[in-house]
Amino acid sequence: MKLGETISFPTFSVGTDQAKTEPKEGALPSLDIPATDFSSFSATSETTKNLTQVETHTGEEGEKVEVEVRVKLFEFVKVGESSSWKERGAGPLRILVNPTTSRYRLVMRTDNAIRVVLNALPYADMRIEKPHEKQIRFTCINAVESSSKIGSFWIKLMNGPDTNTLFRALEKVKAHSKIHSEGKEEAKEDAKEAKEGAKEPKTTEVKT
């Protein structure tokens, strides 16, 4: 699937056994996750007391955090003839902006392993939906998977306010991406016209 193509969100339920049966039209996958799942790891837990502090580099040092919320991430995966929502982990989802280029990206790392599970640039035609008070669905190309295909992602949040904050932020960066993309195309056209205008006019010798 290429950018610009229409994509519909799948509506399969979470779990391998349930993936074979599609629910009724309009039904949503069951993603009711206890809030305790989000607080199973904290900076003051016993597992961190005896750790030696070391300097780490995440690649995000030069970027500004616009929004950060805790989520649980699911990705729609097709394996053969079966399809299902697969859990990718829980942790902070950040919307980062590069002050130099003004480009945004979505980054999520899991709590325990600090493993990057989402690294994506928003684009003008990405789908963003809020099917539930504490759920958001969206499409993106996840660079973590080293794939150029558009994937479907579903996130579960802890509360309504966080969901609204993230949803508005995603709509904002999508609009910004559209303007940025259109601006680049206009700049290319202007440069092309300027280049054409800079050419010396051709003269044709007329014999008399």
C-alpha atoms as a PDB file:
ATOM      1  CA  MET A   1       0.000   0.000   0.000  1.00  0.00           C
ATOM      2  CA  LYS A   2       1.324   3.443  -0.936  1.00  0.00           C
ATOM      3  CA  LEU A   3       0.834   6.855   0.665  1.00  0.00           C
ATOM      4  CA  GLY A   4      -2.353   8.477  -0.547  1.00  0.00           C
ATOM      5  CA  GLU A   5      -4.302   5.240  -0.893  1.00  0.00           C
ATOM      6  CA  THR A   6      -7.469   4.762   1.115  1.00  0.00           C
ATOM      7  CA  ILE A   7      -7.145   2.356   4.011  1.00  0.00           C
ATOM      8  CA  SER A   8      -9.879   0.910   6.198  1.00  0.00           C
ATOM      9  CA  PHE A   9      -9.260  -0.087   9.771  1.00  0.00           C
ATOM     10  CA  PRO A  10      -9.677  -3.802  10.488  1.00  0.00           C
ATOM     11  CA  THR A  11     -12.186  -4.772  13.159  1.00  0.00           C
ATOM     12  CA  PHE A  12     -10.862  -8.098  14.392  1.00  0.00           C
ATOM     13  CA  SER A  13     -10.747  -8.957  18.077  1.00  0.00           C
ATOM     14  CA  VAL A  14      -7.563  -9.282  20.091  1.00  0.00           C
ATOM     15  CA  GLY A  15      -6.300 -12.863  20.399  1.00  0.00           C
ATOM     16  CA  THR A  16      -5.412 -15.626  17.988  1.00  0.00           C
ATOM     17  CA  ASP A  17      -8.551 -17.707  18.554  1.00  0.00           C
ATOM     18  CA  GLN A  18     -10.883 -14.777  18.023  1.00  0.00           C
ATOM     19  CA  ALA A  19      -9.057 -13.511  14.952  1.00  0.00           C
ATOM     20  CA  LYS A  20     -10.755 -15.977  12.626  1.00  0.00           C
ATOM     21  CA  THR A  21     -14.233 -14.599  13.287  1.00  0.00           C
ATOM     22  CA  GLU A  22     -15.115 -11.073  12.294  1.00  0.00           C
ATOM     23  CA  PRO A  23     -17.580  -9.367  14.657  1.00  0.00           C
ATOM     24  CA  LYS A  24     -20.755  -7.665  13.597  1.00  0.00           C
ATOM     25  CA  GLU A  25     -20.466  -4.547  11.512  1.00  0.00           C
ATOM     26  CA  GLY A  26     -19.481  -1.552  13.633  1.00  0.00           C
ATOM     27  CA  ALA A  27     -18.248  -3.680  16.546  1.00  0.00           C
ATOM     28  CA  LEU A  28     -14.848  -2.935  18.030  1.00  0.00           C
ATOM     29  CA  PRO A  29     -12.153  -5.311  19.269  1.00  0.00           C
ATOM     30  CA  SER A  30     -12.172  -6.004  22.977  1.00  0.00           C
ATOM     31  CA  LEU A  31      -9.297  -3.955  24.388  1.00  0.00           C
ATOM     32  CA  ASP A  32     -10.372  -3.517  27.998  1.00  0.00           C
ATOM     33  CA  ILE A  33      -7.008  -3.471  29.765  1.00  0.00           C
ATOM     34  CA  PRO A  34      -6.794  -2.930  33.550  1.00  0.00           C
ATOM     35  CA  ALA A  35      -5.109   0.300  34.562  1.00  0.00           C
ATOM     36  CA  THR A  36      -2.773  -1.694  36.803  1.00  0.00           C
ATOM     37  CA  ASP A  37      -1.016  -2.932  33.676  1.00  0.00           C
ATOM     38  CA  PHE A  38       0.306   0.573  33.139  1.00  0.00           C
ATOM     39  CA  SER A  39       1.796   0.934  36.617  1.00  0.00           C
ATOM     40  CA  SER A  40       3.640  -2.375  36.903  1.00  0.00           C
ATOM     41  CA  PHE A  41       6.968  -0.623  36.517  1.00  0.00           C
ATOM     42  CA  SER A  42       8.040   2.642  38.116  1.00  0.00           C
ATOM     43  CA  ALA A  43      11.246   4.503  38.857  1.00  0.00           C
ATOM     44  CA  THR A  44      10.919   3.721  42.572  1.00  0.00           C
ATOM     45  CA  SER A  45      10.320  -0.005  42.232  1.00  0.00           C
ATOM     46  CA  GLU A  46      12.604  -2.564  43.882  1.00  0.00           C
ATOM     47  CA  THR A  47      14.101  -3.473  40.525  1.00  0.00           C
ATOM     48  CA  THR A  48      15.702  -0.047  40.147  1.00  0.00           C
ATOM     49  CA  LYS A  49      17.120   0.615  43.621  1.00  0.00           C
ATOM     50  CA  ASN A  50      20.479  -1.049  43.054  1.00  0.00           C
ATOM     51  CA  LEU A  51      21.021  -0.045  39.438  1.00  0.00           C
ATOM     52  CA  THR A  52      24.094   2.008  38.600  1.00  0.00           C
ATOM     53  CA  GLN A  53      23.295   5.263  36.847  1.00  0.00           C
ATOM     54  CA  VAL A  54      24.825   5.446  33.377  1.00  0.00           C
ATOM     55  CA  GLU A  55      24.627   8.034  30.632  1.00  0.00           C
ATOM     56  CA  THR A  56      22.316   7.002  27.819  1.00  0.00           C
ATOM     57  CA  HIS A  57      21.601   8.465  24.401  1.00  0.00           C
ATOM     58  CA  THR A  58      18.192   7.892  22.859  1.00  0.00           C
ATOM     59  CA  GLY A  59      18.517   9.931  19.672  1.00  0.00           C
ATOM     60  CA  GLU A  60      15.819  12.288  20.961  1.00  0.00           C
ATOM     61  CA  GLU A  61      18.194  14.770  22.629  1.00  0.00           C
ATOM     62  CA  GLY A  62      17.801  17.423  19.925  1.00  0.00           C
ATOM     63  CA  GLU A  63      14.011  17.216  19.791  1.00  0.00           C
ATOM     64  CA  LYS A  64      11.280  18.849  21.850  1.00  0.00           C
ATOM     65  CA  VAL A  65       8.549  16.766  23.485  1.00  0.00           C
ATOM     66  CA  GLU A  66       5.188  18.199  22.417  1.00  0.00           C
ATOM     67  CA  VAL A  67       3.013  15.524  24.062  1.00  0.00           C
ATOM     68  CA  GLU A  68       3.750  12.487  26.217  1.00  0.00           C
ATOM     69  CA  VAL A  69       1.107  10.026  27.424  1.00  0.00           C
ATOM     70  CA  ARG A  70       1.150   6.448  28.682  1.00  0.00           C
ATOM     71  CA  VAL A  71      -0.461   3.942  26.339  1.00  0.00           C
ATOM     72  CA  LYS A  72      -0.679   0.279  25.473  1.00  0.00           C
ATOM     73  CA  LEU A  73       0.035  -0.309  21.790  1.00  0.00           C
ATOM     74  CA  PHE A  74      -1.466  -2.935  19.482  1.00  0.00           C
ATOM     75  CA  GLU A  75      -0.627  -3.570  15.833  1.00  0.00           C
ATOM     76  CA  PHE A  76      -2.833  -5.356  13.323  1.00  0.00           C
ATOM     77  CA  VAL A  77      -0.835  -8.300  11.994  1.00  0.00           C
ATOM     78  CA  LYS A  78      -1.653 -10.718   9.190  1.00  0.00           C
ATOM     79  CA  VAL A  79       0.001 -14.142   9.238  1.00  0.00           C
ATOM     80  CA  GLY A  80      -1.152 -16.355   6.404  1.00  0.00           C
ATOM     81  CA  GLU A  81      -4.946 -16.381   6.403  1.00  0.00           C
ATOM     82  CA  SER A  82      -5.319 -15.288  10.033  1.00  0.00           C
ATOM     83  CA  SER A  83      -5.364 -11.718  11.280  1.00  0.00           C
ATOM     84  CA  SER A  84      -5.295 -10.299  14.781  1.00  0.00           C
ATOM     85  CA  TRP A  85      -4.315  -7.373  16.958  1.00  0.00           C
ATOM     86  CA  LYS A  86      -0.952  -8.093  18.576  1.00  0.00           C
ATOM     87  CA  GLU A  87       0.207  -6.308  21.707  1.00  0.00           C
ATOM     88  CA  ARG A  88       3.490  -4.421  21.240  1.00  0.00           C
ATOM     89  CA  GLY A  89       3.885  -3.234  24.819  1.00  0.00           C
ATOM     90  CA  ALA A  90       3.042  -0.473  27.288  1.00  0.00           C
ATOM     91  CA  GLY A  91       4.959   2.718  27.873  1.00  0.00           C
ATOM     92  CA  PRO A  92       5.188   6.437  27.063  1.00  0.00           C
ATOM     93  CA  LEU A  93       4.150   7.567  23.595  1.00  0.00           C
ATOM     94  CA  ARG A  94       5.820  10.841  22.643  1.00  0.00           C
ATOM     95  CA  ILE A  95       5.158  13.314  19.872  1.00  0.00           C
ATOM     96  CA  LEU A  96       8.509  14.961  19.178  1.00  0.00           C
ATOM     97  CA  VAL A  97       9.343  17.972  17.018  1.00  0.00           C
ATOM     98  CA  ASN A  98      12.708  18.911  15.553  1.00  0.00           C
ATOM     99  CA  PRO A  99      13.265  22.656  16.181  1.00  0.00           C
ATOM    100  CA  THR A 100      15.473  22.935  13.098  1.00  0.00           C
ATOM    101  CA  THR A 101      13.293  21.205  10.515  1.00  0.00           C
ATOM    102  CA  SER A 102       9.898  21.598  12.263  1.00  0.00           C
ATOM    103  CA  ARG A 103       9.212  17.947  11.450  1.00  0.00           C
ATOM    104  CA  TYR A 104       7.240  15.770  13.872  1.00  0.00           C
ATOM    105  CA  ARG A 105       7.554  12.079  14.666  1.00  0.00           C
ATOM    106  CA  LEU A 106       5.860   9.548  16.943  1.00  0.00           C
ATOM    107  CA  VAL A 107       8.110   7.535  19.239  1.00  0.00           C
ATOM    108  CA  MET A 108       7.153   4.891  21.789  1.00  0.00           C
ATOM    109  CA  ARG A 109       9.425   2.845  24.038  1.00  0.00           C
ATOM    110  CA  THR A 110       8.352   0.003  26.296  1.00  0.00           C
ATOM    111  CA  ASP A 111       8.749   0.454  30.043  1.00  0.00           C
ATOM    112  CA  ASN A 112      10.855  -2.507  31.070  1.00  0.00           C
ATOM    113  CA  ALA A 113      13.205  -3.008  28.137  1.00  0.00           C
ATOM    114  CA  ILE A 114      13.189   0.612  26.913  1.00  0.00           C
ATOM    115  CA  ARG A 115      12.715  -0.992  23.511  1.00  0.00           C
ATOM    116  CA  VAL A 116      11.510   1.211  20.642  1.00  0.00           C
ATOM    117  CA  VAL A 117       8.260  -0.226  19.272  1.00  0.00           C
ATOM    118  CA  LEU A 118       7.071   2.781  17.271  1.00  0.00           C
ATOM    119  CA  ASN A 119       9.038   5.343  15.277  1.00  0.00           C
ATOM    120  CA  ALA A 120       6.939   7.033  12.625  1.00  0.00           C
ATOM    121  CA  LEU A 121       6.651  10.291  10.718  1.00  0.00           C
ATOM    122  CA  PRO A 122       3.099  11.666  10.435  1.00  0.00           C
ATOM    123  CA  TYR A 123       1.874  12.191   6.872  1.00  0.00           C
ATOM    124  CA  ALA A 124      -0.917  14.159   5.260  1.00  0.00           C
ATOM    125  CA  ASP A 125      -3.205  11.206   4.449  1.00  0.00           C
ATOM    126  CA  MET A 126      -2.824   9.242   7.686  1.00  0.00           C
ATOM    127  CA  ARG A 127      -6.059   7.955   9.233  1.00  0.00           C
ATOM    128  CA  ILE A 128      -6.829   8.988  12.810  1.00  0.00           C
ATOM    129  CA  GLU A 129      -9.964   7.854  14.656  1.00  0.00           C
ATOM    130  CA  LYS A 130     -11.224   7.856  18.239  1.00  0.00           C
ATOM    131  CA  PRO A 131     -13.705   4.949  18.395  1.00  0.00           C
ATOM    132  CA  HIS A 132     -13.876   5.007  22.185  1.00  0.00           C
ATOM    133  CA  GLU A 133     -13.316   7.415  25.078  1.00  0.00           C
ATOM    134  CA  LYS A 134      -9.959   5.781  25.847  1.00  0.00           C
ATOM    135  CA  GLN A 135      -8.935   4.381  22.463  1.00  0.00           C
ATOM    136  CA  ILE A 136      -7.332   5.801  19.322  1.00  0.00           C
ATOM    137  CA  ARG A 137      -6.692   4.108  15.995  1.00  0.00           C
ATOM    138  CA  PHE A 138      -4.294   5.438  13.384  1.00  0.00           C
ATOM    139  CA  THR A 139      -2.240   4.435  10.366  1.00  0.00           C
ATOM    140  CA  CYS A 140       1.468   5.016   9.892  1.00  0.00           C
ATOM    141  CA  ILE A 141       4.661   3.571   8.463  1.00  0.00           C
ATOM    142  CA  ASN A 142       6.611   2.183  11.398  1.00  0.00           C
ATOM    143  CA  ALA A 143      10.346   2.597  10.729  1.00  0.00           C
ATOM    144  CA  VAL A 144      11.103   0.089  13.489  1.00  0.00           C
ATOM    145  CA  GLU A 145       9.873  -2.680  11.208  1.00  0.00           C
ATOM    146  CA  SER A 146      12.081  -1.465   8.326  1.00  0.00           C
ATOM    147  CA  SER A 147       9.045  -1.594   6.079  1.00  0.00           C
ATOM    148  CA  SER A 148       7.529   0.878   3.638  1.00  0.00           C
ATOM    149  CA  LYS A 149       4.024  -0.502   4.156  1.00  0.00           C
ATOM    150  CA  ILE A 150       1.290   1.396   5.951  1.00  0.00           C
ATOM    151  CA  GLY A 151       0.225  -0.369   9.138  1.00  0.00           C
ATOM    152  CA  SER A 152      -2.820  -0.085  11.405  1.00  0.00           C
ATOM    153  CA  PHE A 153      -2.258   0.662  15.089  1.00  0.00           C
ATOM    154  CA  TRP A 154      -4.615   0.752  18.068  1.00  0.00           C
ATOM    155  CA  ILE A 155      -3.754   2.321  21.381  1.00  0.00           C
ATOM    156  CA  LYS A 156      -5.458   2.086  24.752  1.00  0.00           C
ATOM    157  CA  LEU A 157      -5.053   4.996  27.168  1.00  0.00           C
ATOM    158  CA  MET A 158      -5.640   5.310  30.890  1.00  0.00           C
ATOM    159  CA  ASN A 159      -8.265   8.069  30.819  1.00  0.00           C
ATOM    160  CA  GLY A 160     -10.384  10.331  28.660  1.00  0.00           C
ATOM    161  CA  PRO A 161      -8.355  13.555  29.094  1.00  0.00           C
ATOM    162  CA  ASP A 162      -5.155  11.841  27.926  1.00  0.00           C
ATOM    163  CA  THR A 163      -7.035  10.436  24.948  1.00  0.00           C
ATOM    164  CA  ASN A 164      -8.364  13.856  23.971  1.00  0.00           C
ATOM    165  CA  THR A 165      -4.928  15.441  24.374  1.00  0.00           C
ATOM    166  CA  LEU A 166      -3.267  12.857  22.155  1.00  0.00           C
ATOM    167  CA  PHE A 167      -6.059  12.884  19.582  1.00  0.00           C
ATOM    168  CA  ARG A 168      -5.863  16.671  19.189  1.00  0.00           C
ATOM    169  CA  ALA A 169      -2.074  16.493  18.959  1.00  0.00           C
ATOM    170  CA  LEU A 170      -2.241  13.842  16.230  1.00  0.00           C
ATOM    171  CA  GLU A 171      -4.726  15.935  14.260  1.00  0.00           C
ATOM    172  CA  LYS A 172      -2.378  18.911  14.629  1.00  0.00           C
ATOM    173  CA  VAL A 173       0.715  17.122  13.355  1.00  0.00           C
ATOM    174  CA  LYS A 174      -1.293  15.598  10.501  1.00  0.00           C
ATOM    175  CA  ALA A 175      -2.408  19.074   9.399  1.00  0.00           C
ATOM    176  CA  HIS A 176       1.149  20.353   9.794  1.00  0.00           C
ATOM    177  CA  SER A 177       2.439  17.487   7.658  1.00  0.00           C
ATOM    178  CA  LYS A 178      -0.068  18.370   4.937  1.00  0.00           C
ATOM    179  CA  ILE A 179       0.986  22.021   4.929  1.00  0.00           C
ATOM    180  CA  HIS A 180       4.652  21.018   5.000  1.00  0.00           C
ATOM    181  CA  SER A 181       4.136  18.644   2.086  1.00  0.00           C
ATOM    182  CA  GLU A 182       2.186  21.180   0.034  1.00  0.00           C
ATOM    183  CA  GLY A 183       4.809  23.811   0.816  1.00  0.00           C
ATOM    184  CA  LYS A 184       7.564  21.572  -0.508  1.00  0.00           C
ATOM    185  CA  GLU A 185       5.647  20.934  -3.724  1.00  0.00           C
ATOM    186  CA  GLU A 186       5.002  24.658  -4.187  1.00  0.00           C
ATOM    187  CA  ALA A 187       8.677  25.378  -3.560  1.00  0.00           C
ATOM    188  CA  LYS A 188       9.613  22.834  -6.225  1.00  0.00           C
ATOM    189  CA  GLU A 189       7.226  24.461  -8.700  1.00  0.00           C
ATOM    190  CA  ASP A 190       8.561  27.947  -7.889  1.00  0.00           C
ATOM    191  CA  ALA A 191      12.122  26.739  -8.318  1.00  0.00           C
ATOM    192  CA  LYS A 192      11.208  25.114 -11.629  1.00  0.00           C
ATOM    193  CA  GLU A 193       9.549  28.301 -12.898  1.00  0.00           C
ATOM    194  CA  ALA A 194      12.500  30.388 -11.734  1.00  0.00           C
ATOM    195  CA  LYS A 195      14.875  28.045 -13.517  1.00  0.00           C
ATOM    196  CA  GLU A 196      12.824  28.207 -16.710  1.00  0.00           C
ATOM    197  CA  GLY A 197      12.654  31.989 -16.493  1.00  0.00           C
ATOM    198  CA  ALA A 198      16.398  32.249 -16.052  1.00  0.00           C
ATOM    199  CA  LYS A 199      17.082  30.559 -19.383  1.00  0.00           C
ATOM    200  CA  GLU A 200      18.136  32.850 -22.191  1.00  0.00           C
ATOM    201  CA  PRO A 201      15.540  33.019 -24.914  1.00  0.00           C
ATOM    202  CA  LYS A 202      16.413  31.164 -28.070  1.00  0.00           C
ATOM    203  CA  THR A 203      16.827  33.218 -31.241  1.00  0.00           C
ATOM    204  CA  THR A 204      16.155  32.010 -34.720  1.00  0.00           C
ATOM    205  CA  GLU A 205      18.104  33.467 -37.589  1.00  0.00           C
ATOM    206  CA  VAL A 206      15.885  34.566 -40.422  1.00  0.00           C
ATOM    207  CA  LYS A 207      17.446  34.493 -43.844  1.00  0.00           C
ATOM    208  CA  THR A 208      16.497  37.254 -46.208  1.00  0.00           C
END
